Amino acid sequence: MLNLILLQADAAAGQAAGNQWSFWVMMILIFVVFYIFMIRPQTKRQKELQKQRESMKKGDKVVTAGGIYGEIKEVQENTFIITIAKDVTIKVSKESVFADAADAQQEEKKKISD
């Protein structure tokens, strides 16, 4: 009887070790899937956006994160000075500025037609 109890305890310990192994394999697979489908594309988009901001120059039409449309009047190290109306300028952080979507679409059409 004692042998039977010890045998069952040994089998249960072996089964628990197998469950731990499959748990870690599953966790690694979940991390890989998250990386491929969520983290990697997001970092790619951030790099493209940063590249776009670095290429902005005086005269480009932009939209701020707050939805203000304007034209870049001056480019500084970490900020843009944007004209939003006649004699009205604002100073905004580069991180809060995006290229004007209408301008971007027009540029794409020009590229396609050329």
N, C-alpha and C. Protein backbone atom coordinates (compact mmCIF):
# COMPACT_ATOMS: atom_id res chain seq x y z
N MET A 1 0.82 -1.19 0.00
CA MET A 1 0.00 0.00 0.00
C MET A 1 0.87 1.26 0.00
N LEU A 2 1.92 1.25 0.81
CA LEU A 2 2.84 2.38 0.86
C LEU A 2 3.52 2.60 -0.48
N ASN A 3 3.87 1.51 -1.15
CA ASN A 3 4.48 1.61 -2.48
C ASN A 3 3.54 2.29 -3.47
N LEU A 4 2.27 1.97 -3.40
CA LEU A 4 1.28 2.55 -4.30
C LEU A 4 1.17 4.06 -4.08
N ILE A 5 1.17 4.49 -2.83
CA ILE A 5 1.09 5.92 -2.51
C ILE A 5 2.33 6.64 -3.00
N LEU A 6 3.51 6.06 -2.78
CA LEU A 6 4.75 6.67 -3.24
C LEU A 6 4.81 6.75 -4.76
N LEU A 7 4.31 5.71 -5.44
CA LEU A 7 4.28 5.71 -6.90
C LEU A 7 3.37 6.81 -7.43
N GLN A 8 2.21 6.99 -6.82
CA GLN A 8 1.28 8.04 -7.24
C GLN A 8 1.88 9.43 -6.98
N ALA A 9 2.57 9.61 -5.86
CA ALA A 9 3.20 10.89 -5.56
C ALA A 9 4.29 11.21 -6.56
N ASP A 10 5.07 10.18 -6.95
CA ASP A 10 6.14 10.36 -7.93
C ASP A 10 5.55 10.73 -9.30
N ALA A 11 4.46 10.09 -9.68
CA ALA A 11 3.81 10.37 -10.96
C ALA A 11 3.24 11.80 -10.97
N ALA A 12 2.68 12.22 -9.86
CA ALA A 12 2.13 13.58 -9.76
C ALA A 12 3.23 14.63 -9.86
N ALA A 13 4.39 14.34 -9.27
CA ALA A 13 5.52 15.28 -9.36
C ALA A 13 6.02 15.39 -10.79
N GLY A 14 6.08 14.28 -11.50
CA GLY A 14 6.50 14.29 -12.91
C GLY A 14 5.50 15.03 -13.77
N GLN A 15 4.23 14.89 -13.50
CA GLN A 15 3.18 15.57 -14.26
C GLN A 15 3.24 17.07 -14.01
N ALA A 16 3.51 17.50 -12.79
CA ALA A 16 3.61 18.92 -12.47
C ALA A 16 4.78 19.55 -13.20
N ALA A 17 5.90 18.83 -13.31
CA ALA A 17 7.06 19.35 -14.04
C ALA A 17 6.71 19.52 -15.52
N GLY A 18 5.95 18.60 -16.07
CA GLY A 18 5.52 18.71 -17.47
C GLY A 18 4.60 19.91 -17.68
N ASN A 19 3.72 20.16 -16.70
CA ASN A 19 2.83 21.32 -16.80
C ASN A 19 3.60 22.63 -16.74
N GLN A 20 4.64 22.68 -15.92
CA GLN A 20 5.45 23.89 -15.85
C GLN A 20 6.14 24.14 -17.19
N TRP A 21 6.65 23.10 -17.79
CA TRP A 21 7.33 23.23 -19.08
C TRP A 21 6.37 23.78 -20.14
N SER A 22 5.20 23.23 -20.22
CA SER A 22 4.23 23.69 -21.22
C SER A 22 3.77 25.12 -20.91
N PHE A 23 3.70 25.48 -19.64
CA PHE A 23 3.34 26.84 -19.25
C PHE A 23 4.37 27.83 -19.81
N TRP A 24 5.66 27.54 -19.63
CA TRP A 24 6.70 28.46 -20.10
C TRP A 24 6.75 28.53 -21.63
N VAL A 25 6.53 27.42 -22.27
CA VAL A 25 6.49 27.42 -23.74
C VAL A 25 5.34 28.30 -24.22
N MET A 26 4.19 28.17 -23.58
CA MET A 26 3.02 28.96 -23.96
C MET A 26 3.26 30.45 -23.70
N MET A 27 3.90 30.79 -22.59
CA MET A 27 4.20 32.19 -22.28
C MET A 27 5.14 32.79 -23.33
N ILE A 28 6.15 32.03 -23.72
CA ILE A 28 7.09 32.51 -24.74
C ILE A 28 6.38 32.71 -26.08
N LEU A 29 5.50 31.78 -26.44
CA LEU A 29 4.74 31.92 -27.69
C LEU A 29 3.84 33.16 -27.65
N ILE A 30 3.21 33.41 -26.53
CA ILE A 30 2.36 34.60 -26.40
C ILE A 30 3.18 35.86 -26.55
N PHE A 31 4.36 35.91 -25.94
CA PHE A 31 5.23 37.08 -26.07
C PHE A 31 5.66 37.29 -27.51
N VAL A 32 6.01 36.21 -28.21
CA VAL A 32 6.42 36.32 -29.61
C VAL A 32 5.28 36.87 -30.47
N VAL A 33 4.08 36.37 -30.24
CA VAL A 33 2.93 36.85 -31.01
C VAL A 33 2.68 38.34 -30.73
N PHE A 34 2.73 38.75 -29.47
CA PHE A 34 2.56 40.16 -29.13
C PHE A 34 3.63 41.01 -29.81
N TYR A 35 4.86 40.54 -29.80
CA TYR A 35 5.95 41.29 -30.41
C TYR A 35 5.72 41.46 -31.91
N ILE A 36 5.36 40.37 -32.59
CA ILE A 36 5.19 40.42 -34.04
C ILE A 36 4.01 41.28 -34.44
N PHE A 37 2.90 41.17 -33.74
CA PHE A 37 1.68 41.86 -34.16
C PHE A 37 1.43 43.21 -33.51
N MET A 38 2.11 43.53 -32.40
CA MET A 38 1.81 44.79 -31.71
C MET A 38 3.05 45.67 -31.53
N ILE A 39 4.10 45.15 -30.98
CA ILE A 39 5.25 45.97 -30.62
C ILE A 39 6.03 46.40 -31.85
N ARG A 40 6.35 45.45 -32.71
CA ARG A 40 7.16 45.75 -33.90
C ARG A 40 6.49 46.76 -34.83
N PRO A 41 5.22 46.59 -35.20
CA PRO A 41 4.59 47.59 -36.07
C PRO A 41 4.52 48.98 -35.43
N GLN A 42 4.32 49.03 -34.13
CA GLN A 42 4.24 50.32 -33.45
C GLN A 42 5.58 51.04 -33.50
N THR A 43 6.67 50.33 -33.25
CA THR A 43 7.99 50.97 -33.31
C THR A 43 8.31 51.40 -34.73
N LYS A 44 7.87 50.63 -35.71
CA LYS A 44 8.08 50.99 -37.11
C LYS A 44 7.34 52.29 -37.45
N ARG A 45 6.09 52.42 -36.98
CA ARG A 45 5.32 53.64 -37.21
C ARG A 45 5.96 54.84 -36.51
N GLN A 46 6.47 54.64 -35.31
CA GLN A 46 7.11 55.73 -34.58
C GLN A 46 8.36 56.21 -35.31
N LYS A 47 9.14 55.29 -35.85
CA LYS A 47 10.33 55.67 -36.60
C LYS A 47 9.96 56.45 -37.85
N GLU A 48 8.91 56.02 -38.57
CA GLU A 48 8.47 56.73 -39.76
C GLU A 48 7.99 58.14 -39.41
N LEU A 49 7.24 58.26 -38.33
CA LEU A 49 6.74 59.56 -37.90
C LEU A 49 7.89 60.48 -37.50
N GLN A 50 8.88 59.94 -36.80
CA GLN A 50 10.04 60.74 -36.41
C GLN A 50 10.81 61.20 -37.64
N LYS A 51 10.95 60.33 -38.62
CA LYS A 51 11.63 60.67 -39.87
C LYS A 51 10.87 61.79 -40.59
N GLN A 52 9.55 61.68 -40.59
CA GLN A 52 8.70 62.69 -41.24
C GLN A 52 8.85 64.04 -40.54
N ARG A 53 8.88 64.04 -39.21
CA ARG A 53 9.03 65.30 -38.47
C ARG A 53 10.38 65.94 -38.72
N GLU A 54 11.42 65.12 -38.84
CA GLU A 54 12.76 65.65 -39.09
C GLU A 54 12.86 66.26 -40.49
N SER A 55 12.05 65.77 -41.43
CA SER A 55 12.12 66.27 -42.80
C SER A 55 11.23 67.50 -43.03
N MET A 56 10.43 67.88 -42.02
CA MET A 56 9.57 69.05 -42.18
C MET A 56 10.41 70.31 -42.26
N LYS A 57 9.95 71.23 -43.11
CA LYS A 57 10.69 72.46 -43.31
C LYS A 57 9.74 73.64 -43.39
N LYS A 58 10.30 74.83 -43.48
CA LYS A 58 9.51 76.05 -43.56
C LYS A 58 8.57 75.97 -44.76
N GLY A 59 7.32 76.34 -44.53
CA GLY A 59 6.32 76.34 -45.59
C GLY A 59 5.45 75.09 -45.65
N ASP A 60 5.82 74.04 -44.94
CA ASP A 60 5.01 72.82 -44.91
C ASP A 60 3.72 73.06 -44.14
N LYS A 61 2.63 72.50 -44.65
CA LYS A 61 1.35 72.59 -43.95
C LYS A 61 1.28 71.42 -42.98
N VAL A 62 0.85 71.71 -41.76
CA VAL A 62 0.83 70.71 -40.69
C VAL A 62 -0.46 70.79 -39.89
N VAL A 63 -0.66 69.76 -39.08
CA VAL A 63 -1.77 69.72 -38.13
C VAL A 63 -1.17 69.36 -36.77
N THR A 64 -1.56 70.08 -35.74
CA THR A 64 -1.07 69.77 -34.40
C THR A 64 -1.92 68.66 -33.80
N ALA A 65 -1.45 68.10 -32.69
CA ALA A 65 -2.20 67.05 -32.00
C ALA A 65 -3.54 67.58 -31.51
N GLY A 66 -3.65 68.88 -31.28
CA GLY A 66 -4.90 69.49 -30.84
C GLY A 66 -5.85 69.80 -31.98
N GLY A 67 -5.43 69.54 -33.22
CA GLY A 67 -6.31 69.75 -34.38
C GLY A 67 -6.17 71.13 -35.01
N ILE A 68 -5.11 71.85 -34.71
CA ILE A 68 -4.90 73.18 -35.28
C ILE A 68 -4.12 73.05 -36.58
N TYR A 69 -4.69 73.58 -37.66
CA TYR A 69 -4.03 73.56 -38.96
C TYR A 69 -3.19 74.82 -39.11
N GLY A 70 -2.03 74.68 -39.73
CA GLY A 70 -1.19 75.84 -39.94
C GLY A 70 -0.05 75.53 -40.89
N GLU A 71 0.84 76.50 -40.99
CA GLU A 71 2.00 76.38 -41.87
C GLU A 71 3.25 76.70 -41.07
N ILE A 72 4.28 75.90 -41.25
CA ILE A 72 5.51 76.10 -40.49
C ILE A 72 6.18 77.39 -40.94
N LYS A 73 6.44 78.26 -39.96
CA LYS A 73 7.11 79.52 -40.23
C LYS A 73 8.60 79.41 -39.91
N GLU A 74 8.91 78.65 -38.85
CA GLU A 74 10.30 78.51 -38.42
C GLU A 74 10.49 77.14 -37.76
N VAL A 75 11.66 76.55 -38.03
CA VAL A 75 12.00 75.26 -37.43
C VAL A 75 13.11 75.50 -36.41
N GLN A 76 12.86 75.06 -35.18
CA GLN A 76 13.87 75.17 -34.12
C GLN A 76 14.27 73.76 -33.70
N GLU A 77 15.14 73.67 -32.71
CA GLU A 77 15.67 72.36 -32.32
C GLU A 77 14.57 71.39 -31.88
N ASN A 78 13.72 71.80 -30.95
CA ASN A 78 12.67 70.91 -30.43
C ASN A 78 11.27 71.41 -30.70
N THR A 79 11.14 72.54 -31.38
CA THR A 79 9.82 73.14 -31.60
C THR A 79 9.68 73.66 -33.02
N PHE A 80 8.42 73.89 -33.39
CA PHE A 80 8.08 74.58 -34.63
C PHE A 80 7.34 75.86 -34.26
N ILE A 81 7.54 76.90 -35.03
CA ILE A 81 6.69 78.09 -34.92
C ILE A 81 5.77 78.02 -36.13
N ILE A 82 4.47 77.97 -35.84
CA ILE A 82 3.47 77.73 -36.88
C ILE A 82 2.57 78.95 -37.00
N THR A 83 2.33 79.35 -38.24
CA THR A 83 1.37 80.42 -38.52
C THR A 83 0.02 79.77 -38.71
N ILE A 84 -0.97 80.20 -37.90
CA ILE A 84 -2.30 79.60 -38.01
C ILE A 84 -3.32 80.57 -38.60
N ALA A 85 -3.00 81.86 -38.62
CA ALA A 85 -3.82 82.89 -39.24
C ALA A 85 -2.91 84.08 -39.51
N LYS A 86 -3.42 85.08 -40.19
CA LYS A 86 -2.62 86.26 -40.49
C LYS A 86 -2.17 86.90 -39.17
N ASP A 87 -0.87 87.04 -39.03
CA ASP A 87 -0.25 87.64 -37.84
C ASP A 87 -0.49 86.85 -36.55
N VAL A 88 -0.82 85.58 -36.66
CA VAL A 88 -1.00 84.74 -35.48
C VAL A 88 -0.07 83.54 -35.59
N THR A 89 0.88 83.46 -34.67
CA THR A 89 1.81 82.33 -34.67
C THR A 89 1.77 81.65 -33.30
N ILE A 90 2.04 80.37 -33.32
CA ILE A 90 2.13 79.60 -32.08
C ILE A 90 3.41 78.78 -32.11
N LYS A 91 3.90 78.49 -30.93
CA LYS A 91 5.09 77.66 -30.79
C LYS A 91 4.65 76.32 -30.22
N VAL A 92 4.94 75.23 -30.95
CA VAL A 92 4.51 73.90 -30.51
C VAL A 92 5.69 72.93 -30.54
N SER A 93 5.60 71.91 -29.72
CA SER A 93 6.61 70.86 -29.67
C SER A 93 6.57 70.05 -30.96
N LYS A 94 7.71 69.58 -31.41
CA LYS A 94 7.77 68.78 -32.63
C LYS A 94 6.98 67.48 -32.48
N GLU A 95 6.90 66.95 -31.27
CA GLU A 95 6.19 65.69 -31.06
C GLU A 95 4.68 65.82 -31.26
N SER A 96 4.16 67.05 -31.24
CA SER A 96 2.73 67.23 -31.37
C SER A 96 2.31 67.70 -32.77
N VAL A 97 3.21 67.57 -33.74
CA VAL A 97 2.92 68.04 -35.09
C VAL A 97 2.94 66.87 -36.06
N PHE A 98 1.95 66.88 -36.96
CA PHE A 98 1.83 65.86 -38.00
C PHE A 98 1.70 66.56 -39.34
N ALA A 99 2.11 65.88 -40.41
CA ALA A 99 1.93 66.45 -41.74
C ALA A 99 0.44 66.51 -42.04
N ASP A 100 0.04 67.52 -42.78
CA ASP A 100 -1.36 67.68 -43.16
C ASP A 100 -1.75 66.51 -44.06
N ALA A 101 -2.82 65.82 -43.73
CA ALA A 101 -3.24 64.63 -44.47
C ALA A 101 -3.57 64.96 -45.93
N ALA A 102 -4.20 66.10 -46.17
CA ALA A 102 -4.54 66.49 -47.54
C ALA A 102 -3.27 66.70 -48.36
N ASP A 103 -2.26 67.33 -47.75
CA ASP A 103 -0.98 67.53 -48.44
C ASP A 103 -0.32 66.20 -48.76
N ALA A 104 -0.35 65.31 -47.80
CA ALA A 104 0.27 64.00 -47.99
C ALA A 104 -0.41 63.24 -49.13
N GLN A 105 -1.73 63.33 -49.22
CA GLN A 105 -2.46 62.66 -50.29
C GLN A 105 -2.11 63.26 -51.65
N GLN A 106 -1.97 64.59 -51.71
CA GLN A 106 -1.61 65.24 -52.96
C GLN A 106 -0.21 64.83 -53.40
N GLU A 107 0.71 64.73 -52.46
CA GLU A 107 2.07 64.31 -52.78
C GLU A 107 2.08 62.89 -53.29
N GLU A 108 1.27 62.01 -52.71
CA GLU A 108 1.19 60.62 -53.17
C GLU A 108 0.65 60.58 -54.59
N LYS A 109 -0.37 61.39 -54.89
CA LYS A 109 -0.92 61.42 -56.24
C LYS A 109 0.12 61.90 -57.25
N LYS A 110 0.94 62.89 -56.85
CA LYS A 110 2.00 63.38 -57.73
C LYS A 110 3.02 62.29 -58.00
N LYS A 111 3.37 61.54 -56.97
CA LYS A 111 4.35 60.47 -57.12
C LYS A 111 3.81 59.39 -58.07
N ILE A 112 2.53 59.08 -57.92
CA ILE A 112 1.92 58.04 -58.76
C ILE A 112 1.86 58.49 -60.22
N SER A 113 1.50 59.76 -60.44
CA SER A 113 1.36 60.25 -61.80
C SER A 113 2.71 60.45 -62.50
N ASP A 114 3.77 60.63 -61.74
CA ASP A 114 5.11 60.82 -62.37
C ASP A 114 5.73 59.57 -62.84
